[in-house]
Amino acid sequence: LLYQPGAAWSYGPQLGILGAVIENADPQGR
């Protein structure tokens, strides 16, 4: 981590990780 959670924000791999979770969990396969 670059910062303690909630202390600051920076773009990183989180959208890619969330995207992979959504794509695998979405029953429509979107």
PDB file of all heavy atoms in Angstrom:
ATOM      1  N   LEU A   1       0.836  -1.195   0.000  1.00  0.00           N
ATOM      2  CA  LEU A   1       0.000   0.000   0.000  1.00  0.00           C
ATOM      3  C   LEU A   1       0.872   1.246   0.000  1.00  0.00           C
ATOM      4  O   LEU A   1       1.920   1.278   0.642  1.00  0.00           O
ATOM      5  CB  LEU A   1      -0.893   0.022   1.242  1.00  0.00           C
ATOM      6  CG  LEU A   1      -1.921  -1.088   1.363  1.00  0.00           C
ATOM      7  CD1 LEU A   1      -2.645  -0.981   2.700  1.00  0.00           C
ATOM      8  CD2 LEU A   1      -2.910  -1.042   0.218  1.00  0.00           C
ATOM      9  N   LEU A   2       0.442   2.274  -0.722  1.00  0.00           N
ATOM     10  CA  LEU A   2       1.138   3.560  -0.703  1.00  0.00           C
ATOM     11  C   LEU A   2       0.741   4.378   0.513  1.00  0.00           C
ATOM     12  O   LEU A   2       1.501   5.214   0.985  1.00  0.00           O
ATOM     13  CB  LEU A   2       0.828   4.350  -1.978  1.00  0.00           C
ATOM     14  CG  LEU A   2       1.326   3.745  -3.287  1.00  0.00           C
ATOM     15  CD1 LEU A   2       0.832   4.580  -4.474  1.00  0.00           C
ATOM     16  CD2 LEU A   2       2.837   3.664  -3.292  1.00  0.00           C
ATOM     17  N   TYR A   3      -0.504   4.165   0.988  1.00  0.00           N
ATOM     18  CA  TYR A   3      -1.065   4.938   2.099  1.00  0.00           C
ATOM     19  C   TYR A   3      -1.875   3.998   2.979  1.00  0.00           C
ATOM     20  O   TYR A   3      -2.290   2.937   2.538  1.00  0.00           O
ATOM     21  CB  TYR A   3      -2.025   6.037   1.603  1.00  0.00           C
ATOM     22  CG  TYR A   3      -1.534   6.804   0.414  1.00  0.00           C
ATOM     23  CD1 TYR A   3      -2.021   6.540  -0.862  1.00  0.00           C
ATOM     24  CD2 TYR A   3      -0.580   7.798   0.553  1.00  0.00           C
ATOM     25  CE1 TYR A   3      -1.576   7.254  -1.953  1.00  0.00           C
ATOM     26  CE2 TYR A   3      -0.129   8.517  -0.535  1.00  0.00           C
ATOM     27  CZ  TYR A   3      -0.631   8.237  -1.786  1.00  0.00           C
ATOM     28  OH  TYR A   3      -0.191   8.940  -2.870  1.00  0.00           O
ATOM     29  N   GLN A   4      -2.158   4.424   4.185  1.00  0.00           N
ATOM     30  CA  GLN A   4      -3.109   3.698   5.020  1.00  0.00           C
ATOM     31  C   GLN A   4      -4.494   3.866   4.391  1.00  0.00           C
ATOM     32  O   GLN A   4      -4.812   4.944   3.884  1.00  0.00           O
ATOM     33  CB  GLN A   4      -3.095   4.249   6.446  1.00  0.00           C
ATOM     34  CG  GLN A   4      -1.843   3.896   7.216  1.00  0.00           C
ATOM     35  CD  GLN A   4      -1.692   2.383   7.383  1.00  0.00           C
ATOM     36  OE1 GLN A   4      -2.640   1.681   7.688  1.00  0.00           O
ATOM     37  NE2 GLN A   4      -0.488   1.891   7.141  1.00  0.00           N
ATOM     38  N   PRO A   5      -5.323   2.835   4.425  1.00  0.00           N
ATOM     39  CA  PRO A   5      -6.660   2.957   3.842  1.00  0.00           C
ATOM     40  C   PRO A   5      -7.417   4.157   4.402  1.00  0.00           C
ATOM     41  O   PRO A   5      -7.419   4.403   5.603  1.00  0.00           O
ATOM     42  CB  PRO A   5      -7.331   1.639   4.253  1.00  0.00           C
ATOM     43  CG  PRO A   5      -6.182   0.683   4.377  1.00  0.00           C
ATOM     44  CD  PRO A   5      -5.051   1.504   4.943  1.00  0.00           C
ATOM     45  N   GLY A   6      -7.995   4.950   3.494  1.00  0.00           N
ATOM     46  CA  GLY A   6      -8.756   6.125   3.867  1.00  0.00           C
ATOM     47  C   GLY A   6      -7.929   7.384   4.040  1.00  0.00           C
ATOM     48  O   GLY A   6      -8.467   8.465   4.202  1.00  0.00           O
ATOM     49  N   ALA A   7      -6.600   7.269   3.995  1.00  0.00           N
ATOM     50  CA  ALA A   7      -5.741   8.438   4.218  1.00  0.00           C
ATOM     51  C   ALA A   7      -5.485   9.230   2.941  1.00  0.00           C
ATOM     52  O   ALA A   7      -5.272  10.433   2.995  1.00  0.00           O
ATOM     53  CB  ALA A   7      -4.406   8.008   4.826  1.00  0.00           C
ATOM     54  N   ALA A   8      -5.484   8.576   1.793  1.00  0.00           N
ATOM     55  CA  ALA A   8      -5.196   9.236   0.517  1.00  0.00           C
ATOM     56  C   ALA A   8      -5.706   8.338  -0.596  1.00  0.00           C
ATOM     57  O   ALA A   8      -6.153   7.217  -0.360  1.00  0.00           O
ATOM     58  CB  ALA A   8      -3.703   9.506   0.373  1.00  0.00           C
ATOM     59  N   TRP A   9      -5.616   8.849  -1.819  1.00  0.00           N
ATOM     60  CA  TRP A   9      -6.082   8.088  -2.984  1.00  0.00           C
ATOM     61  C   TRP A   9      -5.064   8.197  -4.104  1.00  0.00           C
ATOM     62  O   TRP A   9      -4.495   9.265  -4.334  1.00  0.00           O
ATOM     63  CB  TRP A   9      -7.421   8.619  -3.475  1.00  0.00           C
ATOM     64  CG  TRP A   9      -7.816   8.056  -4.810  1.00  0.00           C
ATOM     65  CD1 TRP A   9      -7.683   8.655  -6.033  1.00  0.00           C
ATOM     66  CD2 TRP A   9      -8.372   6.774  -5.064  1.00  0.00           C
ATOM     67  NE1 TRP A   9      -8.123   7.836  -7.029  1.00  0.00           N
ATOM     68  CE2 TRP A   9      -8.552   6.651  -6.449  1.00  0.00           C
ATOM     69  CE3 TRP A   9      -8.724   5.700  -4.265  1.00  0.00           C
ATOM     70  CZ2 TRP A   9      -9.088   5.521  -7.046  1.00  0.00           C
ATOM     71  CZ3 TRP A   9      -9.254   4.577  -4.877  1.00  0.00           C
ATOM     72  CH2 TRP A   9      -9.436   4.503  -6.236  1.00  0.00           C
ATOM     73  N   SER A  10      -4.850   7.104  -4.788  1.00  0.00           N
ATOM     74  CA  SER A  10      -4.078   7.118  -6.028  1.00  0.00           C
ATOM     75  C   SER A  10      -4.619   6.003  -6.908  1.00  0.00           C
ATOM     76  O   SER A  10      -5.126   5.003  -6.403  1.00  0.00           O
ATOM     77  CB  SER A  10      -2.582   6.930  -5.771  1.00  0.00           C
ATOM     78  OG  SER A  10      -2.331   5.658  -5.230  1.00  0.00           O
ATOM     79  N   TYR A  11      -4.537   6.207  -8.210  1.00  0.00           N
ATOM     80  CA  TYR A  11      -4.983   5.165  -9.122  1.00  0.00           C
ATOM     81  C   TYR A  11      -4.023   4.005  -9.047  1.00  0.00           C
ATOM     82  O   TYR A  11      -2.826   4.180  -8.893  1.00  0.00           O
ATOM     83  CB  TYR A  11      -5.062   5.698 -10.555  1.00  0.00           C
ATOM     84  CG  TYR A  11      -6.247   6.581 -10.775  1.00  0.00           C
ATOM     85  CD1 TYR A  11      -6.131   7.963 -10.729  1.00  0.00           C
ATOM     86  CD2 TYR A  11      -7.506   6.030 -11.003  1.00  0.00           C
ATOM     87  CE1 TYR A  11      -7.230   8.778 -10.911  1.00  0.00           C
ATOM     88  CE2 TYR A  11      -8.610   6.839 -11.191  1.00  0.00           C
ATOM     89  CZ  TYR A  11      -8.464   8.203 -11.148  1.00  0.00           C
ATOM     90  OH  TYR A  11      -9.547   9.012 -11.321  1.00  0.00           O
ATOM     91  N   GLY A  12      -4.545   2.819  -9.144  1.00  0.00           N
ATOM     92  CA  GLY A  12      -3.721   1.626  -9.078  1.00  0.00           C
ATOM     93  C   GLY A  12      -4.474   0.443  -9.644  1.00  0.00           C
ATOM     94  O   GLY A  12      -5.416   0.604 -10.430  1.00  0.00           O
ATOM     95  N   PRO A  13      -4.113  -0.731  -9.243  1.00  0.00           N
ATOM     96  CA  PRO A  13      -4.701  -1.943  -9.823  1.00  0.00           C
ATOM     97  C   PRO A  13      -6.109  -2.268  -9.338  1.00  0.00           C
ATOM     98  O   PRO A  13      -6.716  -3.206  -9.818  1.00  0.00           O
ATOM     99  CB  PRO A  13      -3.725  -3.041  -9.377  1.00  0.00           C
ATOM    100  CG  PRO A  13      -3.177  -2.530  -8.086  1.00  0.00           C
ATOM    101  CD  PRO A  13      -3.047  -1.035  -8.293  1.00  0.00           C
ATOM    102  N   GLN A  14      -6.646  -1.467  -8.408  1.00  0.00           N
ATOM    103  CA  GLN A  14      -7.918  -1.826  -7.801  1.00  0.00           C
ATOM    104  C   GLN A  14      -9.066  -1.955  -8.787  1.00  0.00           C
ATOM    105  O   GLN A  14      -9.915  -2.840  -8.637  1.00  0.00           O
ATOM    106  CB  GLN A  14      -8.281  -0.894  -6.643  1.00  0.00           C
ATOM    107  CG  GLN A  14      -8.283   0.574  -6.949  1.00  0.00           C
ATOM    108  CD  GLN A  14      -6.932   1.230  -6.751  1.00  0.00           C
ATOM    109  OE1 GLN A  14      -5.900   0.674  -7.074  1.00  0.00           O
ATOM    110  NE2 GLN A  14      -6.938   2.438  -6.230  1.00  0.00           N
ATOM    111  N   LEU A  15      -9.148  -1.105  -9.808  1.00  0.00           N
ATOM    112  CA  LEU A  15     -10.240  -1.219 -10.770  1.00  0.00           C
ATOM    113  C   LEU A  15     -10.097  -2.509 -11.573  1.00  0.00           C
ATOM    114  O   LEU A  15     -11.091  -3.164 -11.882  1.00  0.00           O
ATOM    115  CB  LEU A  15     -10.299  -0.010 -11.705  1.00  0.00           C
ATOM    116  CG  LEU A  15     -11.490   0.019 -12.653  1.00  0.00           C
ATOM    117  CD1 LEU A  15     -12.806   0.001 -11.881  1.00  0.00           C
ATOM    118  CD2 LEU A  15     -11.445   1.238 -13.550  1.00  0.00           C
ATOM    119  N   GLY A  16      -8.879  -2.889 -11.886  1.00  0.00           N
ATOM    120  CA  GLY A  16      -8.666  -4.151 -12.593  1.00  0.00           C
ATOM    121  C   GLY A  16      -9.088  -5.347 -11.769  1.00  0.00           C
ATOM    122  O   GLY A  16      -9.694  -6.301 -12.271  1.00  0.00           O
ATOM    123  N   ILE A  17      -8.795  -5.307 -10.480  1.00  0.00           N
ATOM    124  CA  ILE A  17      -9.178  -6.402  -9.587  1.00  0.00           C
ATOM    125  C   ILE A  17     -10.700  -6.444  -9.442  1.00  0.00           C
ATOM    126  O   ILE A  17     -11.321  -7.508  -9.569  1.00  0.00           O
ATOM    127  CB  ILE A  17      -8.490  -6.257  -8.221  1.00  0.00           C
ATOM    128  CG1 ILE A  17      -6.972  -6.443  -8.381  1.00  0.00           C
ATOM    129  CG2 ILE A  17      -9.057  -7.252  -7.207  1.00  0.00           C
ATOM    130  CD1 ILE A  17      -6.160  -6.044  -7.178  1.00  0.00           C
ATOM    131  N   LEU A  18     -11.310  -5.295  -9.186  1.00  0.00           N
ATOM    132  CA  LEU A  18     -12.764  -5.236  -9.070  1.00  0.00           C
ATOM    133  C   LEU A  18     -13.422  -5.679 -10.377  1.00  0.00           C
ATOM    134  O   LEU A  18     -14.409  -6.410 -10.364  1.00  0.00           O
ATOM    135  CB  LEU A  18     -13.214  -3.824  -8.712  1.00  0.00           C
ATOM    136  CG  LEU A  18     -14.727  -3.615  -8.619  1.00  0.00           C
ATOM    137  CD1 LEU A  18     -15.338  -4.496  -7.543  1.00  0.00           C
ATOM    138  CD2 LEU A  18     -15.023  -2.150  -8.362  1.00  0.00           C
ATOM    139  N   GLY A  19     -12.864  -5.247 -11.489  1.00  0.00           N
ATOM    140  CA  GLY A  19     -13.403  -5.644 -12.786  1.00  0.00           C
ATOM    141  C   GLY A  19     -13.368  -7.142 -12.990  1.00  0.00           C
ATOM    142  O   GLY A  19     -14.326  -7.744 -13.486  1.00  0.00           O
ATOM    143  N   ALA A  20     -12.271  -7.782 -12.593  1.00  0.00           N
ATOM    144  CA  ALA A  20     -12.170  -9.236 -12.724  1.00  0.00           C
ATOM    145  C   ALA A  20     -13.203  -9.938 -11.852  1.00  0.00           C
ATOM    146  O   ALA A  20     -13.823 -10.925 -12.276  1.00  0.00           O
ATOM    147  CB  ALA A  20     -10.760  -9.699 -12.351  1.00  0.00           C
ATOM    148  N   VAL A  21     -13.425  -9.423 -10.638  1.00  0.00           N
ATOM    149  CA  VAL A  21     -14.438 -10.007  -9.751  1.00  0.00           C
ATOM    150  C   VAL A  21     -15.822  -9.872 -10.381  1.00  0.00           C
ATOM    151  O   VAL A  21     -16.591 -10.838 -10.443  1.00  0.00           O
ATOM    152  CB  VAL A  21     -14.392  -9.338  -8.355  1.00  0.00           C
ATOM    153  CG1 VAL A  21     -15.589  -9.754  -7.516  1.00  0.00           C
ATOM    154  CG2 VAL A  21     -13.093  -9.673  -7.646  1.00  0.00           C
ATOM    155  N   ILE A  22     -16.148  -8.678 -10.867  1.00  0.00           N
ATOM    156  CA  ILE A  22     -17.465  -8.443 -11.481  1.00  0.00           C
ATOM    157  C   ILE A  22     -17.650  -9.321 -12.711  1.00  0.00           C
ATOM    158  O   ILE A  22     -18.690  -9.959 -12.882  1.00  0.00           O
ATOM    159  CB  ILE A  22     -17.639  -6.953 -11.837  1.00  0.00           C
ATOM    160  CG1 ILE A  22     -17.803  -6.130 -10.555  1.00  0.00           C
ATOM    161  CG2 ILE A  22     -18.836  -6.738 -12.767  1.00  0.00           C
ATOM    162  CD1 ILE A  22     -17.771  -4.637 -10.762  1.00  0.00           C
ATOM    163  N   GLU A  23     -16.656  -9.374 -13.585  1.00  0.00           N
ATOM    164  CA  GLU A  23     -16.779 -10.145 -14.813  1.00  0.00           C
ATOM    165  C   GLU A  23     -16.961 -11.635 -14.521  1.00  0.00           C
ATOM    166  O   GLU A  23     -17.688 -12.322 -15.231  1.00  0.00           O
ATOM    167  CB  GLU A  23     -15.565  -9.914 -15.707  1.00  0.00           C
ATOM    168  CG  GLU A  23     -15.568  -8.523 -16.316  1.00  0.00           C
ATOM    169  CD  GLU A  23     -14.306  -8.187 -17.087  1.00  0.00           C
ATOM    170  OE1 GLU A  23     -13.340  -8.981 -17.073  1.00  0.00           O
ATOM    171  OE2 GLU A  23     -14.283  -7.105 -17.709  1.00  0.00           O
ATOM    172  N   ASN A  24     -16.332 -12.137 -13.471  1.00  0.00           N
ATOM    173  CA  ASN A  24     -16.471 -13.549 -13.121  1.00  0.00           C
ATOM    174  C   ASN A  24     -17.781 -13.835 -12.395  1.00  0.00           C
ATOM    175  O   ASN A  24     -18.303 -14.940 -12.482  1.00  0.00           O
ATOM    176  CB  ASN A  24     -15.290 -14.017 -12.279  1.00  0.00           C
ATOM    177  CG  ASN A  24     -14.064 -14.251 -13.129  1.00  0.00           C
ATOM    178  OD1 ASN A  24     -14.048 -15.153 -13.945  1.00  0.00           O
ATOM    179  ND2 ASN A  24     -13.057 -13.423 -12.975  1.00  0.00           N
ATOM    180  N   ALA A  25     -18.307 -12.857 -11.672  1.00  0.00           N
ATOM    181  CA  ALA A  25     -19.530 -13.068 -10.893  1.00  0.00           C
ATOM    182  C   ALA A  25     -20.801 -12.737 -11.675  1.00  0.00           C
ATOM    183  O   ALA A  25     -21.874 -13.238 -11.330  1.00  0.00           O
ATOM    184  CB  ALA A  25     -19.484 -12.213  -9.624  1.00  0.00           C
ATOM    185  N   ASP A  26     -20.704 -11.921 -12.720  1.00  0.00           N
ATOM    186  CA  ASP A  26     -21.895 -11.482 -13.451  1.00  0.00           C
ATOM    187  C   ASP A  26     -22.525 -12.664 -14.192  1.00  0.00           C
ATOM    188  O   ASP A  26     -21.895 -13.258 -15.067  1.00  0.00           O
ATOM    189  CB  ASP A  26     -21.523 -10.378 -14.453  1.00  0.00           C
ATOM    190  CG  ASP A  26     -22.729  -9.860 -15.209  1.00  0.00           C
ATOM    191  OD1 ASP A  26     -23.825  -9.776 -14.614  1.00  0.00           O
ATOM    192  OD2 ASP A  26     -22.591  -9.535 -16.406  1.00  0.00           O
ATOM    193  N   PRO A  27     -23.774 -13.002 -13.871  1.00  0.00           N
ATOM    194  CA  PRO A  27     -24.408 -14.143 -14.537  1.00  0.00           C
ATOM    195  C   PRO A  27     -24.633 -13.923 -16.032  1.00  0.00           C
ATOM    196  O   PRO A  27     -24.805 -14.883 -16.777  1.00  0.00           O
ATOM    197  CB  PRO A  27     -25.740 -14.315 -13.795  1.00  0.00           C
ATOM    198  CG  PRO A  27     -25.974 -13.044 -13.057  1.00  0.00           C
ATOM    199  CD  PRO A  27     -24.635 -12.399 -12.862  1.00  0.00           C
ATOM    200  N   GLN A  28     -24.631 -12.662 -16.474  1.00  0.00           N
ATOM    201  CA  GLN A  28     -24.817 -12.374 -17.899  1.00  0.00           C
ATOM    202  C   GLN A  28     -23.505 -12.390 -18.668  1.00  0.00           C
ATOM    203  O   GLN A  28     -23.496 -12.241 -19.885  1.00  0.00           O
ATOM    204  CB  GLN A  28     -25.519 -11.035 -18.063  1.00  0.00           C
ATOM    205  CG  GLN A  28     -26.924 -11.026 -17.484  1.00  0.00           C
ATOM    206  CD  GLN A  28     -27.580  -9.676 -17.618  1.00  0.00           C
ATOM    207  OE1 GLN A  28     -27.306  -8.927 -18.548  1.00  0.00           O
ATOM    208  NE2 GLN A  28     -28.452  -9.356 -16.680  1.00  0.00           N
ATOM    209  N   GLY A  29     -22.374 -12.501 -17.949  1.00  0.00           N
ATOM    210  CA  GLY A  29     -21.078 -12.587 -18.609  1.00  0.00           C
ATOM    211  C   GLY A  29     -20.608 -11.290 -19.245  1.00  0.00           C
ATOM    212  O   GLY A  29     -19.796 -11.313 -20.173  1.00  0.00           O
ATOM    213  N   ARG A  30     -21.091 -10.148 -18.746  1.00  0.00           N
ATOM    214  CA  ARG A  30     -20.696  -8.862 -19.317  1.00  0.00           C
ATOM    215  C   ARG A  30     -19.291  -8.481 -18.885  1.00  0.00           C
ATOM    216  O   ARG A  30     -18.837  -8.835 -17.805  1.00  0.00           O
ATOM    217  CB  ARG A  30     -21.667  -7.767 -18.875  1.00  0.00           C
ATOM    218  CG  ARG A  30     -23.073  -7.958 -19.400  1.00  0.00           C
ATOM    219  CD  ARG A  30     -24.039  -6.999 -18.781  1.00  0.00           C
ATOM    220  NE  ARG A  30     -24.268  -7.390 -17.387  1.00  0.00           N
ATOM    221  CZ  ARG A  30     -25.158  -6.832 -16.593  1.00  0.00           C
ATOM    222  NH1 ARG A  30     -25.907  -5.843 -17.027  1.00  0.00           N
ATOM    223  NH2 ARG A  30     -25.321  -7.239 -15.358  1.00  0.00           N
TER     224      ARG A  30
END
